[in-house]
Protein backbone atom coordinates (compact mmCIF):
# COMPACT_ATOMS: atom_id res chain seq x y z
CA UNK A 1 7.43 5.83 23.74
CA UNK A 2 5.41 2.65 23.93
CA UNK A 3 7.38 -0.31 25.26
CA UNK A 4 7.08 -3.62 23.24
CA UNK A 5 7.42 -7.36 23.87
CA UNK A 6 9.25 -8.49 20.84
CA UNK A 7 9.34 -12.35 19.98
CA UNK A 8 10.83 -14.00 17.49
CA UNK A 9 8.67 -16.68 16.45
CA UNK A 10 9.80 -18.19 13.23
CA UNK A 11 13.11 -19.90 12.15
CA UNK A 12 14.75 -17.90 9.63
CA UNK A 13 14.73 -18.49 6.12
CA UNK A 14 17.29 -16.95 3.97
CA UNK A 15 17.35 -16.55 -0.05
CA UNK A 16 20.11 -15.04 -1.87
CA UNK A 17 18.76 -12.25 -4.63
CA UNK A 18 21.18 -11.41 -7.75
CA UNK A 19 22.04 -7.64 -7.01
CA UNK A 20 21.29 -7.17 -11.00
CA UNK A 21 18.12 -8.58 -10.99
CA UNK A 22 17.25 -6.82 -7.32
CA UNK A 23 17.70 -3.39 -9.20
CA UNK A 24 15.53 -1.68 -10.91
CA UNK A 25 17.84 0.26 -12.78
CA UNK A 26 21.93 0.82 -11.96
CA UNK A 27 24.91 2.66 -13.30
CA UNK A 28 27.72 1.39 -14.35
CA UNK A 29 30.17 2.98 -11.54
CA UNK A 30 27.81 1.77 -8.64
CA UNK A 31 28.92 -0.76 -6.16
CA UNK A 32 26.13 -3.65 -6.15
CA UNK A 33 25.49 -5.91 -3.38
CA UNK A 34 24.06 -9.63 -3.00
CA UNK A 35 20.91 -9.00 -1.43
CA UNK A 36 20.02 -11.27 1.23
CA UNK A 37 16.03 -12.15 1.82
CA UNK A 38 14.63 -13.45 5.28
CA UNK A 39 10.99 -13.76 4.75
CA UNK A 40 10.51 -15.19 8.07
CA UNK A 41 10.37 -12.13 10.47
CA UNK A 42 7.77 -12.59 13.05
CA UNK A 43 7.36 -9.69 16.12
CA UNK A 44 4.84 -8.99 18.17
CA UNK A 45 2.40 -5.73 18.51
CA UNK A 46 0.25 -4.11 20.77
CA UNK A 47 -2.67 -6.48 21.75
CA UNK A 48 -0.79 -9.38 21.12
CA UNK A 49 -0.83 -9.37 17.17
CA UNK A 50 1.56 -10.87 15.18
CA UNK A 51 3.09 -8.79 12.57
CA UNK A 52 4.85 -11.07 9.89
CA UNK A 53 7.28 -9.45 7.16
CA UNK A 54 10.80 -9.76 4.75
CA UNK A 55 13.78 -8.28 5.76
CA UNK A 56 16.49 -7.76 2.96
CA UNK A 57 20.02 -7.15 3.71
CA UNK A 58 23.17 -6.57 1.74
CA UNK A 59 25.73 -9.33 2.39
CA UNK A 60 29.11 -8.79 3.12
CA UNK A 61 28.27 -5.11 4.10
CA UNK A 62 28.47 -4.28 7.97
CA UNK A 63 27.01 -1.48 10.04
CA UNK A 64 24.14 -0.47 7.46
CA UNK A 65 21.63 1.88 7.73
CA UNK A 66 17.94 0.28 7.96
CA UNK A 67 14.57 1.27 7.05
CA UNK A 68 10.67 0.47 7.44
CA UNK A 69 8.70 0.33 4.76
CA UNK A 70 5.38 1.45 5.66
CA UNK A 71 1.89 1.10 3.75
CA UNK A 72 -0.63 3.63 2.47
CA UNK A 73 -4.49 2.75 2.93
CA UNK A 74 -6.31 -0.26 2.38
CA UNK A 75 -4.75 -3.69 3.20
CA UNK A 76 -1.60 -4.84 1.66
CA UNK A 77 0.88 -6.96 2.07
CA UNK A 78 4.65 -7.10 2.44
CA UNK A 79 5.65 -6.87 -1.33
CA UNK A 80 3.11 -3.84 -1.57
CA UNK A 81 1.43 -5.34 -4.42
CA UNK A 82 -1.00 -2.92 -6.29
CA UNK A 83 -2.58 -3.23 -10.14
CA UNK A 84 0.63 -5.35 -10.97
CA UNK A 85 3.38 -3.78 -9.18
CA UNK A 86 5.10 -4.52 -6.66
CA UNK A 87 6.03 -1.04 -5.08
CA UNK A 88 7.85 -2.12 -1.84
CA UNK A 89 9.37 -5.23 -3.05
CA UNK A 90 10.84 -2.90 -5.78
CA UNK A 91 11.97 0.13 -3.30
CA UNK A 92 13.28 -2.75 -0.70
CA UNK A 93 15.39 -5.06 -3.56
CA UNK A 94 17.29 -1.68 -4.91
CA UNK A 95 17.93 -0.10 -1.62
CA UNK A 96 19.67 -3.23 -0.12
CA UNK A 97 21.66 -3.82 -3.12
CA UNK A 98 22.90 -0.47 -2.46
CA UNK A 99 23.94 -1.30 1.27
CA UNK A 100 20.54 -0.36 2.69
CA UNK A 101 18.51 -2.84 5.00
CA UNK A 102 14.98 -2.86 4.31
CA UNK A 103 12.01 -4.58 6.89
CA UNK A 104 8.76 -4.67 4.63
CA UNK A 105 5.75 -5.70 6.63
CA UNK A 106 2.47 -7.85 6.17
CA UNK A 107 -0.51 -5.24 7.68
CA UNK A 108 -2.90 -6.44 10.32
CA UNK A 109 -4.78 -8.76 9.20
CA UNK A 110 -3.17 -9.46 5.81
CA UNK A 111 -1.14 -12.31 4.48
CA UNK A 112 0.70 -14.22 7.28
CA UNK A 113 -0.18 -11.30 9.92
CA UNK A 114 -2.87 -11.56 12.59
CA UNK A 115 -5.41 -8.87 13.79
CA UNK A 116 -8.14 -7.36 12.17
CA UNK A 117 -7.28 -4.31 10.11
CA UNK A 118 -10.74 -3.38 9.69
CA UNK A 119 -10.47 -2.04 13.57
CA UNK A 120 -7.37 0.04 12.86
CA UNK A 121 -6.41 3.49 12.84
CA UNK A 122 -3.62 5.23 12.04
CA UNK A 123 -2.10 5.32 15.22
CA UNK A 124 -2.53 1.57 15.65
CA UNK A 125 -0.45 1.28 12.55
CA UNK A 126 2.03 3.44 14.01
CA UNK A 127 2.07 1.21 16.94
CA UNK A 128 3.12 -1.57 14.40
CA UNK A 129 6.12 0.47 13.39
CA UNK A 130 7.28 1.00 16.75
CA UNK A 131 6.94 -2.58 17.72
CA UNK A 132 9.10 -3.22 14.20
CA UNK A 133 11.69 -0.48 15.62
CA UNK A 134 12.16 -2.62 18.85
CA UNK A 135 12.42 -5.56 16.74
CA UNK A 136 15.62 -4.14 14.85
CA UNK A 137 17.33 -3.29 17.87
CA UNK A 138 17.84 -7.29 18.57
CA UNK A 139 19.13 -7.33 14.85
CA UNK A 140 22.82 -8.12 14.51
CA UNK A 141 25.00 -6.26 11.81
CA UNK A 142 22.81 -3.07 11.31
CA UNK A 143 23.53 0.34 12.85
CA UNK A 144 21.06 1.19 15.43
CA UNK A 145 21.70 4.44 15.39
CA UNK A 146 20.86 4.71 11.57
CA UNK A 147 17.08 3.13 11.86
CA UNK A 148 14.49 5.43 10.05
CA UNK A 149 10.65 4.59 8.42
CA UNK A 150 9.52 4.87 4.88
CA UNK A 151 5.92 5.88 4.64
CA UNK A 152 3.63 5.43 1.51
CA UNK A 153 0.39 7.66 1.13
CA UNK A 154 -1.39 7.13 4.61
CA UNK A 155 1.89 5.48 5.88
CA UNK A 156 3.39 8.65 5.77
CA UNK A 157 1.10 9.91 8.40
CA UNK A 158 1.66 6.85 10.39
CA UNK A 159 5.66 7.07 10.17
CA UNK A 160 5.09 11.01 11.68
CA UNK A 161 3.06 9.73 14.54
CA UNK A 162 5.84 6.78 15.24
CA UNK A 163 8.95 9.82 14.90
CA UNK A 164 7.12 12.12 17.09
CA UNK A 165 6.73 8.99 19.89
CA UNK A 166 10.41 7.73 19.67
CA UNK A 167 13.01 9.78 19.51
CA UNK A 168 15.43 7.29 18.46
CA UNK A 169 14.16 7.11 14.77
CA UNK A 170 16.95 8.60 12.88
CA UNK A 171 15.21 9.81 9.51
CA UNK A 172 11.89 10.15 8.08
CA UNK A 173 11.14 9.59 4.12
CA UNK A 174 7.65 10.33 3.04
CA UNK A 175 6.57 8.89 -0.43
CA UNK A 176 3.53 10.40 -1.84
CA UNK A 177 2.48 10.88 1.68
CA UNK A 178 -0.17 12.22 3.52
CA UNK A 179 1.46 15.47 5.17
CA UNK A 180 -1.81 17.52 5.57
CA UNK A 181 -4.98 17.19 7.91
CA UNK A 182 -7.23 14.33 7.60
CA UNK A 183 -10.36 16.64 6.24
CA UNK A 184 -8.42 18.36 4.05
CA UNK A 185 -7.15 15.37 2.63
CA UNK A 186 -10.64 13.67 2.41
CA UNK A 187 -12.34 16.89 0.83
CA UNK A 188 -8.94 17.25 -1.81
CA UNK A 189 -8.81 13.79 -3.05
CA UNK A 190 -12.53 13.28 -3.43
CA UNK A 191 -12.49 17.09 -5.66
CA UNK A 192 -9.54 15.81 -8.03
CA UNK A 193 -10.88 12.74 -8.69
CA UNK A 194 -14.42 13.90 -9.25
CA UNK A 195 -12.47 16.97 -11.53
CA UNK A 196 -10.96 13.82 -13.67
CA UNK A 197 -13.78 11.68 -14.14
CA UNK A 198 -16.60 12.04 -16.79
CA UNK A 199 -19.23 13.59 -15.01
CA UNK A 200 -21.17 16.70 -15.81
CA UNK A 201 -19.86 20.30 -14.88
CA UNK A 202 -23.05 20.74 -12.88
CA UNK A 203 -23.00 17.47 -10.89
CA UNK A 204 -19.36 18.00 -10.49
CA UNK A 205 -19.64 21.12 -8.61
CA UNK A 206 -22.83 19.58 -7.05
CA UNK A 207 -21.15 16.65 -5.44
CA UNK A 208 -18.18 19.45 -4.47
CA UNK A 209 -20.63 21.04 -2.15
CA UNK A 210 -22.17 18.03 -0.74
CA UNK A 211 -18.39 15.56 -0.25
CA UNK A 212 -17.29 19.24 1.49
CA UNK A 213 -20.37 19.30 3.82
CA UNK A 214 -20.05 15.51 4.77
CA UNK A 215 -16.67 15.87 6.02
CA UNK A 216 -16.94 18.76 7.70
CA UNK A 217 -20.09 16.65 9.24
CA UNK A 218 -17.68 13.81 9.65
CA UNK A 219 -15.37 16.12 11.32
CA UNK A 220 -17.57 17.85 13.77
CA UNK A 221 -19.09 14.42 15.09
CA UNK A 222 -16.19 12.10 15.02
CA UNK A 223 -16.66 11.71 18.74
CA UNK A 224 -20.47 11.07 18.98
CA UNK A 225 -22.98 8.56 19.26
CA UNK A 226 -25.05 10.69 16.51
CA UNK A 227 -22.80 10.54 14.09
CA UNK A 228 -25.00 8.85 11.01
CA UNK A 229 -27.64 10.82 12.81
CA UNK A 230 -26.55 14.33 11.89
CA UNK A 231 -24.53 12.89 8.34
CA UNK A 232 -28.72 11.81 7.00
CA UNK A 233 -30.04 15.20 8.70
CA UNK A 234 -27.13 17.20 7.02
CA UNK A 235 -27.62 15.23 3.50
CA UNK A 236 -31.13 15.36 3.70
CA UNK A 237 -31.39 18.87 4.25
CA UNK A 238 -28.43 20.05 1.29
CA UNK A 239 -30.67 17.51 -1.05
CA UNK A 240 -34.14 19.39 -0.32
CA UNK A 241 -32.46 22.97 -1.38
CA UNK A 242 -30.35 21.03 -4.43
CA UNK A 243 -33.49 19.93 -5.88
CA UNK A 244 -35.02 23.13 -5.71
CA UNK A 245 -32.39 24.93 -7.39
CA UNK A 246 -32.20 21.84 -10.17
CA UNK A 247 -36.11 22.32 -10.80
CA UNK A 248 -35.41 26.12 -11.09
CA UNK A 249 -32.45 26.00 -13.48
CA UNK A 250 -33.54 23.23 -15.62
CA UNK A 251 -37.11 22.41 -15.32
CA UNK A 252 -38.29 18.85 -16.08
CA UNK A 253 -35.12 17.33 -16.62
CA UNK A 254 -34.53 14.09 -15.54
CA UNK A 255 -31.86 14.43 -12.22
CA UNK A 256 -29.46 11.72 -12.29
CA UNK A 257 -27.36 12.60 -9.46
CA UNK A 258 -27.03 10.98 -6.62
CA UNK A 259 -24.95 11.02 -3.46
CA UNK A 260 -23.51 8.09 -1.67
CA UNK A 261 -25.34 9.03 1.82
CA UNK A 262 -25.97 5.30 3.19
CA UNK A 263 -22.24 3.93 2.08
CA UNK A 264 -20.74 7.23 3.47
CA UNK A 265 -22.45 7.47 6.39
CA UNK A 266 -21.19 3.71 7.21
CA UNK A 267 -17.73 4.40 5.86
CA UNK A 268 -17.85 7.59 8.34
CA UNK A 269 -18.73 5.49 11.35
CA UNK A 270 -15.84 3.19 11.49
CA UNK A 271 -12.91 3.66 13.95
CA UNK A 272 -10.32 4.49 11.59
CA UNK A 273 -12.62 7.17 9.69
CA UNK A 274 -13.10 8.58 13.26
CA UNK A 275 -9.65 8.84 13.52
CA UNK A 276 -8.67 10.07 10.38
CA UNK A 277 -10.69 12.85 9.53
CA UNK A 278 -9.61 14.49 12.71
CA UNK A 279 -6.08 13.55 11.90
CA UNK A 280 -3.91 16.42 12.77
CA UNK A 281 0.06 16.39 11.09
CA UNK A 282 0.86 19.58 13.29
CA UNK A 283 0.20 17.34 16.36
CA UNK A 284 3.34 15.24 15.87
CA UNK A 285 5.83 16.67 13.01
CA UNK A 286 6.46 19.73 15.39
CA UNK A 287 7.94 16.87 17.24
CA UNK A 288 10.16 15.73 14.66
CA UNK A 289 13.96 17.27 14.02
CA UNK A 290 15.83 14.33 12.52
CA UNK A 291 16.26 14.07 8.33
CA UNK A 292 13.15 14.40 6.83
CA UNK A 293 12.44 13.67 2.77
CA UNK A 294 9.34 14.21 1.45
CA UNK A 295 8.63 13.09 -2.54
CA UNK A 296 5.57 13.61 -4.11
CA UNK A 297 4.17 13.12 -7.93
CA UNK A 298 2.98 16.33 -9.81
CA UNK A 299 0.08 14.14 -11.51
CA UNK A 300 -1.08 12.45 -8.10
CA UNK A 301 -4.96 12.29 -7.90
CA UNK A 302 -4.82 10.50 -4.71
CA UNK A 303 -2.62 12.79 -2.43
CA UNK A 304 -2.40 16.13 -4.15
CA UNK A 305 1.46 17.01 -4.18
CA UNK A 306 0.76 20.93 -3.65
CA UNK A 307 -1.37 20.99 -0.90
CA UNK A 308 0.59 17.97 0.96
CA UNK A 309 3.88 19.57 0.38
CA UNK A 310 2.99 23.26 1.12
CA UNK A 311 1.05 22.04 4.38
CA UNK A 312 4.63 19.97 4.99
CA UNK A 313 6.93 22.58 4.50
CA UNK A 314 4.95 25.11 6.97
CA UNK A 315 4.84 22.34 9.44
CA UNK A 316 8.75 21.67 9.43
CA UNK A 317 9.90 25.67 9.46
CA UNK A 318 11.63 24.28 12.24
CA UNK A 319 13.55 21.62 10.96
CA UNK A 320 16.46 22.70 8.83
CA UNK A 321 17.08 19.19 7.93
CA UNK A 322 13.57 18.72 5.67
CA UNK A 323 13.28 18.68 2.18
CA UNK A 324 10.80 18.20 -0.42
CA UNK A 325 11.09 16.49 -4.11
CA UNK A 326 8.01 17.21 -6.35
CA UNK A 327 8.77 14.89 -9.44
CA UNK A 328 6.39 15.74 -12.98
CA UNK A 329 4.70 13.11 -14.36
CA UNK A 330 4.43 10.91 -11.96
CA UNK A 331 1.11 9.16 -9.84
CA UNK A 332 0.27 8.08 -6.90
CA UNK A 333 2.59 5.08 -7.39
CA UNK A 334 5.34 7.03 -8.38
CA UNK A 335 5.04 5.52 -11.82
CA UNK A 336 5.29 7.34 -15.04
CA UNK A 337 1.43 8.32 -16.29
CA UNK A 338 -0.70 10.17 -18.71
CA UNK A 339 -3.73 11.25 -15.75
CA UNK A 340 -2.86 10.40 -12.51
CA UNK A 341 -5.79 8.28 -12.03
CA UNK A 342 -6.16 4.92 -9.93
CA UNK A 343 -7.86 3.55 -13.46
CA UNK A 344 -4.99 3.75 -15.43
CA UNK A 345 -2.29 2.03 -12.54
CA UNK A 346 -3.41 -1.66 -14.49
CA UNK A 347 -2.24 -0.38 -17.64
CA UNK A 348 1.10 0.93 -16.96
CA UNK A 349 4.21 -1.42 -18.11
CA UNK A 350 7.09 1.00 -16.33
CA UNK A 351 9.33 0.52 -13.02
CA UNK A 352 8.76 2.78 -10.06
CA UNK A 353 10.75 5.59 -10.93
CA UNK A 354 14.59 5.66 -11.04
CA UNK A 355 14.43 9.39 -9.78
CA UNK A 356 12.32 7.90 -6.69
CA UNK A 357 14.74 5.40 -6.31
CA UNK A 358 17.77 7.25 -6.75
CA UNK A 359 16.76 10.38 -3.89
CA UNK A 360 15.70 7.95 -1.47
CA UNK A 361 19.28 5.98 -1.98
CA UNK A 362 20.82 8.97 -1.75
CA UNK A 363 19.33 10.59 1.29
CA UNK A 364 19.63 7.91 3.65
CA UNK A 365 23.78 6.86 2.20
CA UNK A 366 24.65 10.85 3.07
CA UNK A 367 22.75 10.81 6.71
């Protein structure tokens, strides 16, 4: 396990949150705690990067379990603000009102955290999680033997990396999590999004072909300086054959299909993509023996529930404390939805699924 120097830099700022307001949904027989919120959490990760966050704790509760929230792809602040929804803030307030402390953080280069998000890989995000873990071990009131991780989307992969490297992690929770390998994930995500689009059926099939070819090329040359060159070469060969097929089938009809090869070549060349496309969860999940809960939404168009839960069941066969939960009608943000695609996120007014919150709460409190 990597060792990190933990520094508490800022002064403590505490706020009380009414438990009834903090909760997304309350059962009449639940005991709810007043939530105390510390917005001044600061600690140092690798390369002297300063990570800032917020910690919520249940007032007048001692020896409580604690969970670290880990965001998915794309720069996100500590509240997990996405399309008008504050996913992580809602989770934190719900859990802390029920006796569970929660640490949520600004991503590198986001909010008050320093560093460059664009240069970081999933492994770097896992390093930040391990630094957060070491920070929590300095805090009073929490049960040091009940600190766990909750990752959303790519954050689940970071959670697996961190848990594999630190045997003190008490539990892992994956929400709409990436539990399959990077190559399969890229192909699957693009397939599902294209299938849900208004693209012509013939163009959908062409997109599937070239996307799979490009992803496999990125995989083959992820550690090579010639990655971009190989992407262009393979694209051009495919394009030549595809153009000939199009003319044979549809004659002089105008062909409007274009694959954004320039954009893809640049994206695939960055440090994050090179790591991600080669990411293999088997390298990490085989080392995880603690309780593990994986929850996915059946309508998630970003992380295919069938692929990821199925893969996880195979990889976690050694762990009798691994469990999965597939919830119908939920999208990638674990909100009730119609289509499950990102274009409808902002129009959804319903809060985070109460079933998800209950499952996470019960899982942690019964450990």
